Amino acid sequence: MRNWIVAASVAAVFVMGMGVGYGAKREPAPANYHGQDAREAAQVLLDIALEQAGKDGSWERIGVGRVYYLGGFKAEGQAIFDALLAGKHADSDVFRIARVYQEAGEWEKARPMFDQHLLANPKDEKDLAEVGAYYLLQGDRATAEQLFDRSYAIEREELWATLDIAGAYLGVAPQH
């Protein structure tokens, strides 16, 4: 009988310890990346970053999705974007995700999202200039210059808009 009580006590402590382990938030640690394969280290750290981003931080979640998407874990990044866009989200979330697709060289995926953002935000001179720069970099100078004209009609003194426009004429993508 005594052995049974000891065994039950050990099992209970083990189960409680597992519950604490599973409920505990993971943190980055040298063991996550020292001596690990680069992709495995990145995967562990990205999983931790997603936990750190929380459920309500859309900018943070897009940042994690960006690294997944551009780093070769495209499906994981796409799942983060899809989940964000399926719920209540800001127009700026659409814009940030479109930037990821642009950065990935997926203009046909980025363009309609940029256009959607500009329809919802027709007076944002910086975004007009940035999207115009992407159009110019894709070879659509007419659309680009229409967007540049709209940007300058709103504000001619916006440094970042001017830099995005100048850069595009030199083949330099906007910095964001």
N, C-alpha and C. Protein backbone atom coordinates (compact mmCIF):
# COMPACT_ATOMS: atom_id res chain seq x y z
N MET A 1 0.82 -1.19 0.00
CA MET A 1 0.00 0.00 0.00
C MET A 1 0.87 1.26 0.00
N ARG A 2 1.94 1.21 0.80
CA ARG A 2 2.82 2.36 0.89
C ARG A 2 3.49 2.64 -0.46
N ASN A 3 3.91 1.61 -1.20
CA ASN A 3 4.52 1.78 -2.51
C ASN A 3 3.54 2.45 -3.48
N TRP A 4 2.28 2.10 -3.37
CA TRP A 4 1.25 2.67 -4.23
C TRP A 4 1.12 4.17 -3.96
N ILE A 5 1.14 4.57 -2.71
CA ILE A 5 1.02 5.99 -2.34
C ILE A 5 2.24 6.76 -2.85
N VAL A 6 3.43 6.18 -2.70
CA VAL A 6 4.64 6.83 -3.19
C VAL A 6 4.58 6.98 -4.71
N ALA A 7 4.17 5.93 -5.41
CA ALA A 7 4.08 5.96 -6.87
C ALA A 7 3.05 7.00 -7.32
N ALA A 8 1.92 7.05 -6.64
CA ALA A 8 0.89 8.02 -6.97
C ALA A 8 1.38 9.44 -6.73
N SER A 9 2.10 9.65 -5.64
CA SER A 9 2.64 10.97 -5.33
C SER A 9 3.66 11.41 -6.38
N VAL A 10 4.54 10.49 -6.77
CA VAL A 10 5.54 10.80 -7.79
C VAL A 10 4.84 11.12 -9.11
N ALA A 11 3.83 10.36 -9.48
CA ALA A 11 3.09 10.60 -10.72
C ALA A 11 2.39 11.96 -10.67
N ALA A 12 1.81 12.31 -9.54
CA ALA A 12 1.11 13.59 -9.40
C ALA A 12 2.09 14.75 -9.55
N VAL A 13 3.25 14.64 -8.91
CA VAL A 13 4.25 15.70 -9.01
C VAL A 13 4.73 15.81 -10.46
N PHE A 14 4.93 14.69 -11.13
CA PHE A 14 5.37 14.68 -12.52
C PHE A 14 4.33 15.37 -13.41
N VAL A 15 3.06 15.03 -13.23
CA VAL A 15 2.00 15.60 -14.05
C VAL A 15 1.89 17.10 -13.78
N MET A 16 1.97 17.52 -12.53
CA MET A 16 1.90 18.94 -12.21
C MET A 16 3.09 19.68 -12.83
N GLY A 17 4.24 19.07 -12.80
CA GLY A 17 5.44 19.67 -13.39
C GLY A 17 5.29 19.82 -14.89
N MET A 18 4.67 18.84 -15.54
CA MET A 18 4.44 18.94 -16.97
C MET A 18 3.50 20.09 -17.28
N GLY A 19 2.48 20.24 -16.45
CA GLY A 19 1.53 21.33 -16.65
C GLY A 19 2.21 22.67 -16.56
N VAL A 20 3.09 22.82 -15.61
CA VAL A 20 3.84 24.07 -15.47
C VAL A 20 4.74 24.25 -16.69
N GLY A 21 5.39 23.19 -17.14
CA GLY A 21 6.27 23.27 -18.29
C GLY A 21 5.53 23.65 -19.56
N TYR A 22 4.37 23.05 -19.77
CA TYR A 22 3.61 23.35 -20.96
C TYR A 22 2.98 24.73 -20.90
N GLY A 23 2.64 25.20 -19.72
CA GLY A 23 2.02 26.50 -19.58
C GLY A 23 3.02 27.64 -19.55
N ALA A 24 4.28 27.33 -19.32
CA ALA A 24 5.30 28.37 -19.21
C ALA A 24 5.62 28.94 -20.59
N LYS A 25 5.89 30.22 -20.62
CA LYS A 25 6.26 30.88 -21.85
C LYS A 25 7.73 30.57 -22.16
N ARG A 26 8.00 30.19 -23.40
CA ARG A 26 9.38 29.91 -23.79
C ARG A 26 10.11 31.22 -24.02
N GLU A 27 11.39 31.20 -23.73
CA GLU A 27 12.23 32.37 -23.92
C GLU A 27 13.44 31.98 -24.75
N PRO A 28 14.00 32.93 -25.50
CA PRO A 28 15.22 32.61 -26.24
C PRO A 28 16.35 32.29 -25.27
N ALA A 29 17.12 31.31 -25.63
CA ALA A 29 18.26 30.90 -24.81
C ALA A 29 19.35 30.38 -25.73
N PRO A 30 20.60 30.44 -25.30
CA PRO A 30 21.69 29.96 -26.15
C PRO A 30 21.45 28.54 -26.69
N ALA A 31 20.81 27.71 -25.91
CA ALA A 31 20.56 26.33 -26.36
C ALA A 31 19.66 26.30 -27.60
N ASN A 32 18.90 27.39 -27.83
CA ASN A 32 18.03 27.45 -29.00
C ASN A 32 18.80 27.61 -30.30
N TYR A 33 20.03 28.14 -30.21
CA TYR A 33 20.75 28.42 -31.45
C TYR A 33 22.21 27.99 -31.46
N HIS A 34 22.88 27.90 -30.32
CA HIS A 34 24.29 27.47 -30.31
C HIS A 34 24.39 26.04 -30.84
N GLY A 35 25.18 25.86 -31.87
CA GLY A 35 25.43 24.54 -32.40
C GLY A 35 24.26 23.92 -33.15
N GLN A 36 23.19 24.66 -33.32
CA GLN A 36 22.01 24.14 -34.01
C GLN A 36 22.12 24.42 -35.51
N ASP A 37 21.47 23.61 -36.30
CA ASP A 37 21.32 23.88 -37.72
C ASP A 37 20.63 25.24 -37.86
N ALA A 38 21.05 26.05 -38.82
CA ALA A 38 20.53 27.41 -38.96
C ALA A 38 19.00 27.43 -39.10
N ARG A 39 18.45 26.55 -39.93
CA ARG A 39 16.99 26.54 -40.11
C ARG A 39 16.27 26.11 -38.84
N GLU A 40 16.84 25.13 -38.14
CA GLU A 40 16.22 24.68 -36.88
C GLU A 40 16.29 25.79 -35.83
N ALA A 41 17.42 26.47 -35.74
CA ALA A 41 17.55 27.58 -34.79
C ALA A 41 16.54 28.67 -35.13
N ALA A 42 16.45 29.01 -36.41
CA ALA A 42 15.50 30.04 -36.82
C ALA A 42 14.07 29.62 -36.51
N GLN A 43 13.73 28.38 -36.77
CA GLN A 43 12.36 27.90 -36.52
C GLN A 43 12.01 28.03 -35.03
N VAL A 44 12.90 27.61 -34.16
CA VAL A 44 12.65 27.71 -32.72
C VAL A 44 12.50 29.17 -32.32
N LEU A 45 13.41 30.02 -32.80
CA LEU A 45 13.36 31.44 -32.43
C LEU A 45 12.12 32.12 -33.01
N LEU A 46 11.71 31.74 -34.21
CA LEU A 46 10.50 32.32 -34.79
C LEU A 46 9.26 31.89 -34.01
N ASP A 47 9.24 30.65 -33.57
CA ASP A 47 8.11 30.20 -32.73
C ASP A 47 8.05 31.02 -31.44
N ILE A 48 9.21 31.28 -30.86
CA ILE A 48 9.27 32.09 -29.64
C ILE A 48 8.84 33.53 -29.96
N ALA A 49 9.32 34.07 -31.08
CA ALA A 49 8.96 35.43 -31.47
C ALA A 49 7.45 35.56 -31.66
N LEU A 50 6.82 34.54 -32.21
CA LEU A 50 5.38 34.58 -32.40
C LEU A 50 4.66 34.62 -31.05
N GLU A 51 5.18 33.88 -30.08
CA GLU A 51 4.62 33.96 -28.72
C GLU A 51 4.83 35.36 -28.16
N GLN A 52 6.03 35.92 -28.37
CA GLN A 52 6.33 37.26 -27.86
C GLN A 52 5.44 38.32 -28.51
N ALA A 53 5.06 38.11 -29.76
CA ALA A 53 4.22 39.07 -30.48
C ALA A 53 2.81 39.13 -29.89
N GLY A 54 2.39 38.05 -29.25
CA GLY A 54 1.06 38.02 -28.67
C GLY A 54 -0.03 37.92 -29.72
N LYS A 55 -1.24 37.94 -29.27
CA LYS A 55 -2.37 37.78 -30.19
C LYS A 55 -2.87 39.12 -30.74
N ASP A 56 -2.60 40.23 -30.05
CA ASP A 56 -3.15 41.51 -30.44
C ASP A 56 -2.18 42.41 -31.18
N GLY A 57 -0.93 42.07 -31.24
CA GLY A 57 0.06 42.92 -31.87
C GLY A 57 0.16 42.65 -33.36
N SER A 58 -0.64 43.35 -34.18
CA SER A 58 -0.62 43.05 -35.61
C SER A 58 0.71 43.42 -36.26
N TRP A 59 1.30 44.56 -35.90
CA TRP A 59 2.58 44.94 -36.49
C TRP A 59 3.63 43.89 -36.14
N GLU A 60 3.61 43.47 -34.89
CA GLU A 60 4.57 42.47 -34.44
C GLU A 60 4.37 41.14 -35.14
N ARG A 61 3.11 40.72 -35.29
CA ARG A 61 2.81 39.46 -35.95
C ARG A 61 3.20 39.53 -37.43
N ILE A 62 2.98 40.67 -38.06
CA ILE A 62 3.40 40.83 -39.45
C ILE A 62 4.92 40.75 -39.54
N GLY A 63 5.62 41.32 -38.56
CA GLY A 63 7.07 41.23 -38.53
C GLY A 63 7.55 39.78 -38.46
N VAL A 64 6.90 38.99 -37.62
CA VAL A 64 7.25 37.57 -37.52
C VAL A 64 6.90 36.87 -38.84
N GLY A 65 5.71 37.15 -39.36
CA GLY A 65 5.30 36.55 -40.63
C GLY A 65 6.26 36.89 -41.76
N ARG A 66 6.77 38.12 -41.75
CA ARG A 66 7.73 38.55 -42.77
C ARG A 66 8.99 37.67 -42.74
N VAL A 67 9.52 37.45 -41.56
CA VAL A 67 10.74 36.64 -41.47
C VAL A 67 10.44 35.20 -41.88
N TYR A 68 9.32 34.66 -41.42
CA TYR A 68 8.93 33.32 -41.87
C TYR A 68 8.86 33.30 -43.40
N TYR A 69 8.10 34.23 -43.98
CA TYR A 69 7.81 34.23 -45.42
C TYR A 69 9.09 34.39 -46.24
N LEU A 70 9.89 35.40 -45.90
CA LEU A 70 11.11 35.67 -46.67
C LEU A 70 12.23 34.69 -46.35
N GLY A 71 12.14 34.03 -45.19
CA GLY A 71 13.19 33.12 -44.77
C GLY A 71 13.01 31.68 -45.20
N GLY A 72 11.99 31.43 -46.01
CA GLY A 72 11.82 30.08 -46.52
C GLY A 72 10.74 29.27 -45.84
N PHE A 73 10.06 29.86 -44.87
CA PHE A 73 8.92 29.21 -44.22
C PHE A 73 7.66 29.93 -44.69
N LYS A 74 7.47 29.90 -46.01
CA LYS A 74 6.41 30.68 -46.65
C LYS A 74 5.02 30.32 -46.13
N ALA A 75 4.74 29.05 -45.96
CA ALA A 75 3.41 28.63 -45.51
C ALA A 75 3.10 29.17 -44.11
N GLU A 76 4.10 29.16 -43.24
CA GLU A 76 3.90 29.67 -41.88
C GLU A 76 3.64 31.17 -41.91
N GLY A 77 4.42 31.89 -42.72
CA GLY A 77 4.21 33.33 -42.85
C GLY A 77 2.86 33.65 -43.44
N GLN A 78 2.48 32.91 -44.48
CA GLN A 78 1.18 33.13 -45.12
C GLN A 78 0.05 32.87 -44.14
N ALA A 79 0.18 31.85 -43.29
CA ALA A 79 -0.85 31.55 -42.29
C ALA A 79 -1.03 32.72 -41.32
N ILE A 80 0.06 33.35 -40.93
CA ILE A 80 -0.02 34.51 -40.04
C ILE A 80 -0.75 35.65 -40.75
N PHE A 81 -0.39 35.93 -42.00
CA PHE A 81 -1.05 37.00 -42.75
C PHE A 81 -2.53 36.72 -42.94
N ASP A 82 -2.85 35.48 -43.32
CA ASP A 82 -4.24 35.12 -43.55
C ASP A 82 -5.08 35.28 -42.28
N ALA A 83 -4.52 34.87 -41.15
CA ALA A 83 -5.24 34.99 -39.88
C ALA A 83 -5.49 36.46 -39.55
N LEU A 84 -4.49 37.30 -39.76
CA LEU A 84 -4.66 38.74 -39.49
C LEU A 84 -5.72 39.36 -40.39
N LEU A 85 -5.66 39.05 -41.67
CA LEU A 85 -6.58 39.65 -42.62
C LEU A 85 -8.00 39.11 -42.49
N ALA A 86 -8.14 37.92 -41.93
CA ALA A 86 -9.47 37.31 -41.76
C ALA A 86 -10.25 37.99 -40.64
N GLY A 87 -9.55 38.59 -39.70
CA GLY A 87 -10.21 39.26 -38.57
C GLY A 87 -10.24 40.76 -38.78
N LYS A 88 -10.62 41.46 -37.74
CA LYS A 88 -10.63 42.92 -37.77
C LYS A 88 -9.17 43.39 -37.83
N HIS A 89 -8.88 44.22 -38.82
CA HIS A 89 -7.51 44.69 -38.99
C HIS A 89 -7.51 46.12 -39.51
N ALA A 90 -6.39 46.78 -39.36
CA ALA A 90 -6.22 48.15 -39.83
C ALA A 90 -5.79 48.15 -41.30
N ASP A 91 -6.07 49.25 -41.98
CA ASP A 91 -5.60 49.40 -43.36
C ASP A 91 -4.09 49.26 -43.44
N SER A 92 -3.41 49.74 -42.42
CA SER A 92 -1.95 49.66 -42.42
C SER A 92 -1.45 48.22 -42.39
N ASP A 93 -2.25 47.29 -41.86
CA ASP A 93 -1.85 45.88 -41.88
C ASP A 93 -1.79 45.36 -43.31
N VAL A 94 -2.77 45.75 -44.12
CA VAL A 94 -2.79 45.35 -45.54
C VAL A 94 -1.53 45.90 -46.22
N PHE A 95 -1.22 47.15 -45.94
CA PHE A 95 -0.04 47.80 -46.54
C PHE A 95 1.24 47.08 -46.14
N ARG A 96 1.38 46.73 -44.88
CA ARG A 96 2.60 46.07 -44.41
C ARG A 96 2.76 44.67 -45.01
N ILE A 97 1.66 43.96 -45.14
CA ILE A 97 1.72 42.63 -45.75
C ILE A 97 2.06 42.75 -47.23
N ALA A 98 1.49 43.75 -47.89
CA ALA A 98 1.81 43.98 -49.30
C ALA A 98 3.31 44.25 -49.46
N ARG A 99 3.89 44.98 -48.52
CA ARG A 99 5.34 45.22 -48.57
C ARG A 99 6.13 43.93 -48.52
N VAL A 100 5.67 42.98 -47.74
CA VAL A 100 6.37 41.68 -47.66
C VAL A 100 6.32 41.00 -49.02
N TYR A 101 5.14 40.98 -49.63
CA TYR A 101 5.02 40.34 -50.95
C TYR A 101 5.92 41.06 -51.97
N GLN A 102 5.96 42.40 -51.90
CA GLN A 102 6.83 43.16 -52.80
C GLN A 102 8.28 42.77 -52.58
N GLU A 103 8.66 42.70 -51.32
CA GLU A 103 10.04 42.35 -50.98
C GLU A 103 10.39 40.94 -51.45
N ALA A 104 9.40 40.07 -51.48
CA ALA A 104 9.60 38.70 -51.93
C ALA A 104 9.60 38.59 -53.46
N GLY A 105 9.39 39.72 -54.13
CA GLY A 105 9.36 39.70 -55.59
C GLY A 105 8.04 39.23 -56.15
N GLU A 106 6.98 39.34 -55.36
CA GLU A 106 5.65 38.89 -55.76
C GLU A 106 4.74 40.09 -56.01
N TRP A 107 5.08 40.88 -57.03
CA TRP A 107 4.35 42.09 -57.36
C TRP A 107 2.88 41.83 -57.63
N GLU A 108 2.57 40.76 -58.32
CA GLU A 108 1.16 40.48 -58.66
C GLU A 108 0.33 40.21 -57.41
N LYS A 109 0.95 39.77 -56.37
CA LYS A 109 0.26 39.56 -55.10
C LYS A 109 0.21 40.85 -54.29
N ALA A 110 1.26 41.66 -54.38
CA ALA A 110 1.36 42.91 -53.62
C ALA A 110 0.48 44.01 -54.21
N ARG A 111 0.46 44.12 -55.52
CA ARG A 111 -0.20 45.25 -56.19
C ARG A 111 -1.66 45.44 -55.78
N PRO A 112 -2.51 44.41 -55.81
CA PRO A 112 -3.90 44.67 -55.43
C PRO A 112 -4.05 45.09 -53.96
N MET A 113 -3.14 44.64 -53.12
CA MET A 113 -3.19 45.04 -51.72
C MET A 113 -2.76 46.50 -51.57
N PHE A 114 -1.75 46.91 -52.31
CA PHE A 114 -1.36 48.31 -52.30
C PHE A 114 -2.50 49.18 -52.81
N ASP A 115 -3.11 48.75 -53.92
CA ASP A 115 -4.22 49.52 -54.49
C ASP A 115 -5.38 49.63 -53.51
N GLN A 116 -5.68 48.54 -52.82
CA GLN A 116 -6.74 48.54 -51.81
C GLN A 116 -6.41 49.55 -50.71
N HIS A 117 -5.17 49.55 -50.26
CA HIS A 117 -4.75 50.48 -49.21
C HIS A 117 -4.89 51.93 -49.68
N LEU A 118 -4.48 52.22 -50.91
CA LEU A 118 -4.56 53.59 -51.41
C LEU A 118 -6.00 54.05 -51.59
N LEU A 119 -6.89 53.15 -51.95
CA LEU A 119 -8.31 53.50 -52.03
C LEU A 119 -8.86 53.91 -50.66
N ALA A 120 -8.41 53.22 -49.63
CA ALA A 120 -8.86 53.51 -48.27
C ALA A 120 -8.14 54.71 -47.66
N ASN A 121 -6.98 55.06 -48.21
CA ASN A 121 -6.14 56.15 -47.66
C ASN A 121 -5.66 57.05 -48.80
N PRO A 122 -6.57 57.73 -49.49
CA PRO A 122 -6.18 58.49 -50.69
C PRO A 122 -5.36 59.74 -50.42
N LYS A 123 -5.21 60.13 -49.18
CA LYS A 123 -4.50 61.38 -48.87
C LYS A 123 -3.19 61.15 -48.10
N ASP A 124 -2.69 59.94 -48.13
CA ASP A 124 -1.42 59.67 -47.45
C ASP A 124 -0.29 59.82 -48.46
N GLU A 125 0.34 60.99 -48.44
CA GLU A 125 1.35 61.31 -49.45
C GLU A 125 2.54 60.36 -49.42
N LYS A 126 2.93 59.90 -48.26
CA LYS A 126 4.07 58.98 -48.18
C LYS A 126 3.73 57.63 -48.81
N ASP A 127 2.54 57.11 -48.52
CA ASP A 127 2.14 55.82 -49.09
C ASP A 127 1.94 55.93 -50.60
N LEU A 128 1.38 57.05 -51.07
CA LEU A 128 1.23 57.26 -52.51
C LEU A 128 2.59 57.23 -53.20
N ALA A 129 3.57 57.91 -52.60
CA ALA A 129 4.91 57.94 -53.18
C ALA A 129 5.56 56.56 -53.16
N GLU A 130 5.41 55.86 -52.04
CA GLU A 130 6.03 54.53 -51.93
C GLU A 130 5.43 53.56 -52.94
N VAL A 131 4.12 53.53 -53.03
CA VAL A 131 3.48 52.61 -53.98
C VAL A 131 3.83 53.02 -55.41
N GLY A 132 3.87 54.33 -55.65
CA GLY A 132 4.30 54.80 -56.97
C GLY A 132 5.70 54.32 -57.30
N ALA A 133 6.57 54.35 -56.31
CA ALA A 133 7.93 53.86 -56.52
C ALA A 133 7.93 52.39 -56.91
N TYR A 134 7.08 51.60 -56.26
CA TYR A 134 7.01 50.18 -56.62
C TYR A 134 6.51 50.00 -58.05
N TYR A 135 5.50 50.80 -58.43
CA TYR A 135 5.02 50.74 -59.82
C TYR A 135 6.15 51.07 -60.79
N LEU A 136 6.92 52.13 -60.49
CA LEU A 136 8.02 52.51 -61.37
C LEU A 136 9.06 51.40 -61.44
N LEU A 137 9.38 50.81 -60.32
CA LEU A 137 10.36 49.71 -60.29
C LEU A 137 9.87 48.50 -61.08
N GLN A 138 8.55 48.38 -61.24
CA GLN A 138 7.98 47.28 -62.03
C GLN A 138 7.83 47.66 -63.50
N GLY A 139 8.21 48.90 -63.85
CA GLY A 139 8.18 49.32 -65.24
C GLY A 139 6.93 50.05 -65.66
N ASP A 140 6.02 50.36 -64.72
CA ASP A 140 4.79 51.07 -65.05
C ASP A 140 4.96 52.55 -64.67
N ARG A 141 5.67 53.25 -65.53
CA ARG A 141 5.99 54.65 -65.25
C ARG A 141 4.75 55.54 -65.24
N ALA A 142 3.79 55.29 -66.11
CA ALA A 142 2.60 56.13 -66.18
C ALA A 142 1.82 56.09 -64.86
N THR A 143 1.58 54.89 -64.33
CA THR A 143 0.87 54.78 -63.05
C THR A 143 1.70 55.38 -61.94
N ALA A 144 3.00 55.12 -61.97
CA ALA A 144 3.90 55.66 -60.94
C ALA A 144 3.81 57.18 -60.89
N GLU A 145 3.90 57.80 -62.05
CA GLU A 145 3.91 59.26 -62.07
C GLU A 145 2.56 59.85 -61.70
N GLN A 146 1.48 59.14 -61.97
CA GLN A 146 0.16 59.59 -61.48
C GLN A 146 0.14 59.58 -59.95
N LEU A 147 0.69 58.53 -59.36
CA LEU A 147 0.74 58.46 -57.89
C LEU A 147 1.69 59.52 -57.32
N PHE A 148 2.80 59.77 -58.00
CA PHE A 148 3.72 60.82 -57.55
C PHE A 148 3.02 62.18 -57.58
N ASP A 149 2.27 62.44 -58.67
CA ASP A 149 1.54 63.71 -58.78
C ASP A 149 0.54 63.86 -57.63
N ARG A 150 -0.16 62.78 -57.32
CA ARG A 150 -1.13 62.82 -56.21
C ARG A 150 -0.41 63.07 -54.88
N SER A 151 0.73 62.45 -54.69
CA SER A 151 1.50 62.64 -53.46
C SER A 151 1.91 64.11 -53.31
N TYR A 152 2.48 64.68 -54.38
CA TYR A 152 2.94 66.06 -54.32
C TYR A 152 1.78 67.06 -54.27
N ALA A 153 0.61 66.68 -54.76
CA ALA A 153 -0.55 67.57 -54.66
C ALA A 153 -0.98 67.72 -53.19
N ILE A 154 -0.68 66.71 -52.38
CA ILE A 154 -1.03 66.74 -50.96
C ILE A 154 0.04 67.47 -50.16
N GLU A 155 1.31 67.14 -50.43
CA GLU A 155 2.41 67.72 -49.64
C GLU A 155 3.70 67.65 -50.47
N ARG A 156 4.29 68.80 -50.68
CA ARG A 156 5.53 68.85 -51.47
C ARG A 156 6.78 68.81 -50.60
N GLU A 157 6.63 68.95 -49.31
CA GLU A 157 7.78 69.04 -48.41
C GLU A 157 8.07 67.75 -47.64
N GLU A 158 7.47 66.65 -48.04
CA GLU A 158 7.64 65.38 -47.33
C GLU A 158 8.92 64.70 -47.83
N LEU A 159 9.96 64.75 -47.01
CA LEU A 159 11.27 64.20 -47.36
C LEU A 159 11.18 62.75 -47.81
N TRP A 160 10.50 61.89 -47.05
CA TRP A 160 10.49 60.45 -47.33
C TRP A 160 9.79 60.14 -48.64
N ALA A 161 8.76 60.91 -48.96
CA ALA A 161 8.09 60.72 -50.25
C ALA A 161 9.06 61.07 -51.38
N THR A 162 9.76 62.19 -51.24
CA THR A 162 10.70 62.61 -52.27
C THR A 162 11.82 61.59 -52.44
N LEU A 163 12.32 61.06 -51.32
CA LEU A 163 13.37 60.04 -51.41
C LEU A 163 12.88 58.77 -52.09
N ASP A 164 11.66 58.34 -51.77
CA ASP A 164 11.12 57.14 -52.43
C ASP A 164 11.00 57.36 -53.93
N ILE A 165 10.54 58.53 -54.32
CA ILE A 165 10.36 58.83 -55.75
C ILE A 165 11.72 58.91 -56.45
N ALA A 166 12.64 59.68 -55.88
CA ALA A 166 13.98 59.81 -56.48
C ALA A 166 14.65 58.44 -56.59
N GLY A 167 14.57 57.67 -55.52
CA GLY A 167 15.18 56.35 -55.51
C GLY A 167 14.63 55.44 -56.59
N ALA A 168 13.32 55.50 -56.79
CA ALA A 168 12.71 54.63 -57.80
C ALA A 168 13.26 54.91 -59.19
N TYR A 169 13.51 56.19 -59.49
CA TYR A 169 14.09 56.52 -60.80
C TYR A 169 15.51 55.97 -60.95
N LEU A 170 16.14 55.66 -59.83
CA LEU A 170 17.49 55.09 -59.86
C LEU A 170 17.51 53.58 -59.60
N GLY A 171 16.31 52.98 -59.50
CA GLY A 171 16.23 51.54 -59.26
C GLY A 171 16.37 51.15 -57.80
N VAL A 172 16.23 52.12 -56.88
CA VAL A 172 16.37 51.86 -55.45
C VAL A 172 14.98 51.75 -54.82
N ALA A 173 14.72 50.64 -54.20
CA ALA A 173 13.42 50.40 -53.57
C ALA A 173 13.28 51.28 -52.32
N PRO A 174 12.06 51.66 -52.00
CA PRO A 174 11.83 52.45 -50.78
C PRO A 174 12.34 51.73 -49.52
N GLN A 175 12.82 52.54 -48.61
CA GLN A 175 13.26 52.03 -47.31
C GLN A 175 12.08 52.15 -46.34
N HIS A 176 11.79 51.07 -45.63
CA HIS A 176 10.69 51.15 -44.65
C HIS A 176 11.04 50.43 -43.40
